Protein backbone atom coordinates (compact mmCIF):
# COMPACT_ATOMS: atom_id res chain seq x y z
CA UNK A 1 102.24 98.01 118.95
CA UNK A 2 98.74 96.93 119.99
CA UNK A 3 97.43 93.47 119.88
CA UNK A 4 93.80 92.52 120.22
CA UNK A 5 91.55 89.39 119.81
CA UNK A 6 87.73 89.85 119.82
CA UNK A 7 84.61 88.02 119.41
CA UNK A 8 81.22 89.64 118.19
CA UNK A 9 77.60 88.60 117.96
CA UNK A 10 76.49 91.75 116.02
CA UNK A 11 77.81 92.85 112.69
CA UNK A 12 78.03 96.55 113.21
CA UNK A 13 79.78 96.17 116.48
CA UNK A 14 82.44 94.12 114.59
CA UNK A 15 82.72 97.11 112.12
CA UNK A 16 82.74 99.79 114.71
CA UNK A 17 85.61 98.11 116.48
CA UNK A 18 88.12 98.88 113.72
CA UNK A 19 89.07 102.27 114.19
CA UNK A 20 89.83 104.67 111.56
CA UNK A 21 87.41 102.76 109.17
CA UNK A 22 84.25 104.70 108.55
CA UNK A 23 82.08 101.70 107.69
CA UNK A 24 78.79 99.84 108.12
CA UNK A 25 78.30 96.07 108.16
CA UNK A 26 74.81 94.88 107.03
CA UNK A 27 74.06 91.04 108.05
CA UNK A 28 72.23 89.72 104.94
CA UNK A 29 71.65 85.79 105.68
CA UNK A 30 69.36 84.82 108.36
CA UNK A 31 70.75 83.32 111.82
CA UNK A 32 72.90 84.25 114.60
CA UNK A 33 75.80 86.33 113.88
CA UNK A 34 79.40 85.31 114.91
CA UNK A 35 82.61 86.74 114.07
CA UNK A 36 86.27 86.88 115.29
CA UNK A 37 88.70 89.77 114.93
CA UNK A 38 92.44 89.43 115.70
CA UNK A 39 94.53 92.62 115.05
CA UNK A 40 98.15 94.16 115.06
CA UNK A 41 98.25 97.91 115.00
CA UNK A 42 100.84 100.76 114.74
CA UNK A 43 100.99 103.94 113.15
CA UNK A 44 102.72 102.62 110.10
CA UNK A 45 100.89 99.26 109.56
CA UNK A 46 97.62 97.78 110.47
CA UNK A 47 97.12 94.02 110.18
CA UNK A 48 93.93 92.16 111.12
CA UNK A 49 92.30 88.94 110.47
CA UNK A 50 88.53 88.64 110.30
CA UNK A 51 86.24 85.67 109.95
CA UNK A 52 82.31 86.10 109.71
CA UNK A 53 79.82 83.41 109.59
CA UNK A 54 77.06 85.13 107.73
CA UNK A 55 76.83 86.95 104.51
CA UNK A 56 77.54 90.70 104.99
CA UNK A 57 77.57 93.83 102.93
CA UNK A 58 80.39 96.15 103.94
CA UNK A 59 80.26 99.80 102.82
CA UNK A 60 81.89 102.96 103.83
CA UNK A 61 85.37 104.71 103.40
CA UNK A 62 88.90 103.17 103.60
CA UNK A 63 91.29 105.03 106.16
CA UNK A 64 93.17 107.96 105.09
CA UNK A 65 96.91 108.17 104.17
CA UNK A 66 97.03 104.28 103.69
CA UNK A 67 96.62 101.75 100.93
CA UNK A 68 94.49 98.68 102.23
CA UNK A 69 95.12 95.27 100.82
CA UNK A 70 92.78 92.28 101.65
CA UNK A 71 94.12 88.66 101.18
CA UNK A 72 91.63 85.98 101.32
CA UNK A 73 92.88 83.03 103.35
CA UNK A 74 89.86 80.75 102.71
CA UNK A 75 86.92 81.23 100.39
CA UNK A 76 83.84 78.85 100.83
CA UNK A 77 83.23 76.26 97.86
CA UNK A 78 80.31 76.35 96.01
CA UNK A 79 79.22 79.84 97.16
CA UNK A 80 75.95 80.65 95.49
CA UNK A 81 76.76 84.42 95.43
CA UNK A 82 80.57 85.44 94.74
CA UNK A 83 82.77 87.65 96.85
CA UNK A 84 82.95 91.02 94.98
CA UNK A 85 84.32 94.45 95.77
CA UNK A 86 83.48 97.58 93.79
CA UNK A 87 81.45 95.36 91.51
CA UNK A 88 84.41 93.17 90.57
CA UNK A 89 84.42 89.53 91.11
CA UNK A 90 87.10 88.19 93.39
CA UNK A 91 88.20 84.68 92.51
CA UNK A 92 90.42 82.28 94.22
CA UNK A 93 93.59 83.90 93.04
CA UNK A 94 92.99 87.57 93.92
CA UNK A 95 94.08 90.11 96.17
CA UNK A 96 91.94 93.31 96.87
CA UNK A 97 93.21 96.77 97.12
CA UNK A 98 91.49 100.05 98.45
CA UNK A 99 93.14 103.52 98.18
CA UNK A 100 93.24 106.17 100.78
CA UNK A 101 89.74 107.41 101.56
CA UNK A 102 88.21 105.24 98.80
CA UNK A 103 84.51 104.73 99.24
CA UNK A 104 83.79 100.97 98.80
CA UNK A 105 81.08 98.38 98.63
CA UNK A 106 82.24 94.89 99.73
CA UNK A 107 79.92 91.74 99.21
CA UNK A 108 81.29 89.01 101.52
CA UNK A 109 79.83 85.49 101.55
CA UNK A 110 79.49 83.40 104.70
CA UNK A 111 82.63 81.74 106.27
CA UNK A 112 85.17 84.00 104.66
CA UNK A 113 88.44 84.22 106.38
CA UNK A 114 90.75 86.92 105.18
CA UNK A 115 93.92 88.85 106.27
CA UNK A 116 94.01 92.51 105.83
CA UNK A 117 96.87 94.90 105.60
CA UNK A 118 97.09 98.52 105.38
CA UNK A 119 100.35 100.27 104.43
CA UNK A 120 101.25 104.03 104.79
CA UNK A 121 101.07 105.80 101.30
CA UNK A 122 104.71 107.12 101.66
CA UNK A 123 106.10 103.69 102.31
CA UNK A 124 104.36 102.04 99.50
CA UNK A 125 105.38 104.87 97.15
CA UNK A 126 109.04 104.32 98.29
CA UNK A 127 109.38 100.70 98.28
CA UNK A 128 107.12 99.77 95.28
CA UNK A 129 106.70 102.75 92.84
CA UNK A 130 105.64 100.78 89.89
CA UNK A 131 102.72 99.24 92.07
CA UNK A 132 102.03 102.57 93.86
CA UNK A 133 101.93 104.29 90.26
CA UNK A 134 99.43 101.72 89.05
CA UNK A 135 97.28 101.99 92.19
CA UNK A 136 97.21 105.75 92.06
CA UNK A 137 96.17 106.00 88.23
CA UNK A 138 92.53 106.33 87.93
CA UNK A 139 92.79 104.66 84.29
CA UNK A 140 94.66 101.60 85.53
CA UNK A 141 92.59 101.40 88.70
CA UNK A 142 91.51 97.80 89.41
CA UNK A 143 90.32 96.83 92.97
CA UNK A 144 90.83 93.20 92.39
CA UNK A 145 94.42 91.98 91.43
CA UNK A 146 95.19 88.66 89.92
CA UNK A 147 98.29 86.92 91.30
CA UNK A 148 100.04 83.81 90.68
CA UNK A 149 98.05 80.67 92.49
CA UNK A 150 101.44 79.14 93.72
CA UNK A 151 102.81 82.55 95.00
CA UNK A 152 99.53 83.44 96.58
CA UNK A 153 99.21 80.18 98.47
CA UNK A 154 102.98 80.39 99.65
CA UNK A 155 102.53 83.96 100.77
CA UNK A 156 99.25 83.22 102.70
CA UNK A 157 100.94 80.57 104.73
CA UNK A 158 103.97 82.91 105.45
CA UNK A 159 101.75 85.76 106.22
CA UNK A 160 99.21 83.82 108.52
CA UNK A 161 102.50 82.06 110.20
CA UNK A 162 104.12 85.47 111.10
CA UNK A 163 100.73 86.93 112.14
CA UNK A 164 100.16 84.17 114.61
CA UNK A 165 103.57 84.14 115.91
CA UNK A 166 103.51 87.97 116.70
CA UNK A 167 100.05 87.51 118.50
CA UNK A 168 101.46 84.60 120.67
CA UNK A 169 104.49 86.65 121.70
CA UNK A 170 102.55 89.87 122.40
CA UNK A 171 104.97 91.03 125.11
CA UNK A 172 107.64 91.15 122.69
CA UNK A 173 105.80 93.68 120.63
CA UNK A 174 106.69 96.33 123.16
CA UNK A 175 110.17 96.34 121.65
CA UNK A 176 110.99 98.95 118.95
CA UNK A 177 113.09 96.27 117.07
CA UNK A 178 110.30 93.53 117.08
CA UNK A 179 107.80 96.18 115.90
CA UNK A 180 110.15 97.09 113.05
CA UNK A 181 110.87 93.77 112.07
CA UNK A 182 107.14 92.66 112.03
CA UNK A 183 106.18 95.82 109.90
CA UNK A 184 108.95 95.15 107.44
CA UNK A 185 108.24 91.38 107.18
CA UNK A 186 104.53 91.97 106.28
CA UNK A 187 105.31 94.77 103.70
CA UNK A 188 107.91 92.69 102.00
CA UNK A 189 105.64 89.42 101.90
CA UNK A 190 102.86 91.48 100.36
CA UNK A 191 105.10 93.32 97.70
CA UNK A 192 106.76 90.04 96.74
CA UNK A 193 103.01 88.50 96.16
CA UNK A 194 102.24 91.56 94.14
CA UNK A 195 105.58 91.89 92.13
CA UNK A 196 104.04 90.26 88.95
CA UNK A 197 101.21 92.87 89.15
CA UNK A 198 103.77 95.65 88.66
CA UNK A 199 107.09 94.26 88.16
CA UNK A 200 110.60 96.01 88.73
CA UNK A 201 111.55 97.51 85.26
CA UNK A 202 115.28 98.29 86.31
CA UNK A 203 117.82 97.22 83.61
CA UNK A 204 120.47 94.70 84.01
CA UNK A 205 123.19 95.95 86.10
CA UNK A 206 127.06 95.26 85.96
CA UNK A 207 129.03 93.21 88.38
CA UNK A 208 130.63 96.47 89.64
CA UNK A 209 127.29 98.01 90.50
CA UNK A 210 126.08 94.75 92.28
CA UNK A 211 129.22 94.79 94.33
CA UNK A 212 128.74 98.50 95.11
CA UNK A 213 125.34 97.82 96.42
CA UNK A 214 126.47 95.18 98.61
CA UNK A 215 129.36 97.45 100.03
CA UNK A 216 126.98 100.22 100.67
CA UNK A 217 124.66 97.89 102.35
CA UNK A 218 127.29 96.70 104.79
CA UNK A 219 128.17 100.40 105.35
CA UNK A 220 124.50 101.09 106.54
CA UNK A 221 124.46 98.12 108.93
CA UNK A 222 127.85 99.21 110.41
CA UNK A 223 126.66 102.54 111.01
CA UNK A 224 123.65 101.01 112.96
CA UNK A 225 125.35 98.81 115.72
CA UNK A 226 122.58 99.08 118.17
CA UNK A 227 119.35 98.49 116.16
CA UNK A 228 118.24 96.19 113.57
CA UNK A 229 118.36 96.93 109.90
CA UNK A 230 115.88 95.31 107.44
CA UNK A 231 116.01 94.65 103.74
CA UNK A 232 113.39 97.45 103.32
CA UNK A 233 115.71 99.84 105.05
CA UNK A 234 118.35 98.99 102.61
CA UNK A 235 116.03 99.42 99.82
CA UNK A 236 114.86 102.78 100.89
CA UNK A 237 118.62 104.30 101.48
CA UNK A 238 119.94 102.83 98.23
CA UNK A 239 116.94 103.43 96.24
CA UNK A 240 116.97 100.11 94.73
CA UNK A 241 114.24 97.37 94.43
CA UNK A 242 114.15 94.20 96.51
CA UNK A 243 114.74 91.97 93.61
CA UNK A 244 117.92 94.01 92.83
CA UNK A 245 119.12 93.81 96.32
CA UNK A 246 118.36 90.10 96.31
CA UNK A 247 120.47 89.64 93.11
CA UNK A 248 123.52 91.68 94.26
CA UNK A 249 123.64 89.80 97.65
CA UNK A 250 123.30 86.39 95.70
CA UNK A 251 125.95 87.26 93.11
CA UNK A 252 128.57 88.90 95.48
CA UNK A 253 128.21 87.01 98.84
CA UNK A 254 126.53 83.86 97.91
CA UNK A 255 123.67 84.47 100.32
CA UNK A 256 120.53 86.53 100.62
CA UNK A 257 120.11 89.84 102.22
CA UNK A 258 117.60 88.29 104.63
CA UNK A 259 120.01 85.67 105.94
CA UNK A 260 122.86 88.14 105.98
CA UNK A 261 120.90 90.59 108.14
CA UNK A 262 119.53 87.62 110.40
CA UNK A 263 123.15 86.86 111.26
CA UNK A 264 123.87 90.53 112.01
CA UNK A 265 120.87 90.71 114.38
CA UNK A 266 122.08 87.32 116.05
CA UNK A 267 125.43 88.75 116.44
CA UNK A 268 123.92 91.86 118.25
CA UNK A 269 122.04 89.74 120.72
CA UNK A 270 125.22 87.85 121.51
CA UNK A 271 127.02 91.12 122.20
CA UNK A 272 124.03 92.15 124.60
CA UNK A 273 124.25 88.85 126.48
CA UNK A 274 127.95 88.99 126.75
CA UNK A 275 128.32 92.66 127.66
CA UNK A 276 125.41 92.87 130.15
CA UNK A 277 124.09 89.50 131.15
CA UNK A 278 122.75 90.76 134.59
CA UNK A 279 120.58 93.46 132.81
CA UNK A 280 119.43 91.68 129.77
CA UNK A 281 117.59 88.29 129.64
CA UNK A 282 117.64 86.42 126.69
CA UNK A 283 113.93 87.36 125.77
CA UNK A 284 114.78 90.93 126.09
CA UNK A 285 118.01 90.71 124.01
CA UNK A 286 115.81 88.90 121.41
CA UNK A 287 113.11 91.37 121.27
CA UNK A 288 115.64 94.14 121.20
CA UNK A 289 116.90 92.88 117.92
CA UNK A 290 113.41 92.04 116.31
CA UNK A 291 113.23 88.31 117.09
CA UNK A 292 109.67 87.65 118.08
CA UNK A 293 109.30 83.91 117.64
CA UNK A 294 111.68 82.56 120.33
CA UNK A 295 111.71 79.01 119.15
CA UNK A 296 113.11 79.96 115.60
CA UNK A 297 115.42 82.52 117.29
CA UNK A 298 116.97 79.87 119.45
CA UNK A 299 117.19 77.51 116.35
CA UNK A 300 118.91 80.13 114.44
CA UNK A 301 121.37 81.15 117.15
CA UNK A 302 122.29 77.68 117.85
CA UNK A 303 123.02 76.99 114.06
CA UNK A 304 125.23 80.25 114.08
CA UNK A 305 127.14 79.91 117.33
CA UNK A 306 126.83 76.27 117.96
CA UNK A 307 125.54 77.09 121.30
CA UNK A 308 122.07 78.39 122.92
CA UNK A 309 121.83 81.87 123.86
CA UNK A 310 121.08 80.97 127.37
CA UNK A 311 124.53 79.22 127.49
CA UNK A 312 126.16 82.36 126.17
CA UNK A 313 124.44 84.48 128.98
CA UNK A 314 125.32 81.62 131.59
CA UNK A 315 129.04 81.95 130.61
CA UNK A 316 129.10 85.75 130.82
CA UNK A 317 127.36 85.55 134.29
CA UNK A 318 129.96 83.09 135.66
């Protein structure tokens, strides 16, 4: 995973820095141009945050083999000309979506701050088939998706917090476990936000079916003792929605799949520190198991084991 933070004084330089985007940024309002770009990028997921101080028109073609979503973080109040994509006005409670290779025209007012996420077609199709179908069918094609104001505000905060944490701990992005957890966390948050746009239509399940989902989930985790398993891993392998998985764990175990899997990963860190404390620092063990915010990791570790990870390692070294 690559992390980058850049500043620009020219609109087209900003546009050209976004690899895989065939696009042009034209500055419309008068004045000195200034923008910032922060980016996390892998083959599976591309996340970037951009802020631009002038009105620009962005036009071109979206990247191939990915669906691109844009979540406005802040929109200027009393803007004389609205934000619009493909001729559709973007209000305060909307998310924008572009399909693979789609040509676009995007009118952006000054001072817009947005977080943009590109997800592989195959991942979206597997994880959110109803949403994928809606975006794929031309008759239902809408580039601007209206979402719940409360859900949007909550998701904005979670997305931005996760993004900033990843940038601040860029060295941990070298670990495959951290890369995977970041990718899956962003996809999950985005799909939660868009669930009402294309809700899960699976009928009610029996108690025995819920129990079987949890049993098979635990089997998947047990077969992966050396790498983190995520909620999206379970959904893909079990062919169930995230909501179904959530309901099954709440009903059978009294906890969420996120909390359950976090505990499994914390136990993995503990085993690494106990088995090879001379070869594994706390930071390395945390990164291996997908913890890229060390403050939250230490808090959760202490809550579960009633000691800090450094204490576990020191005792094993003694």
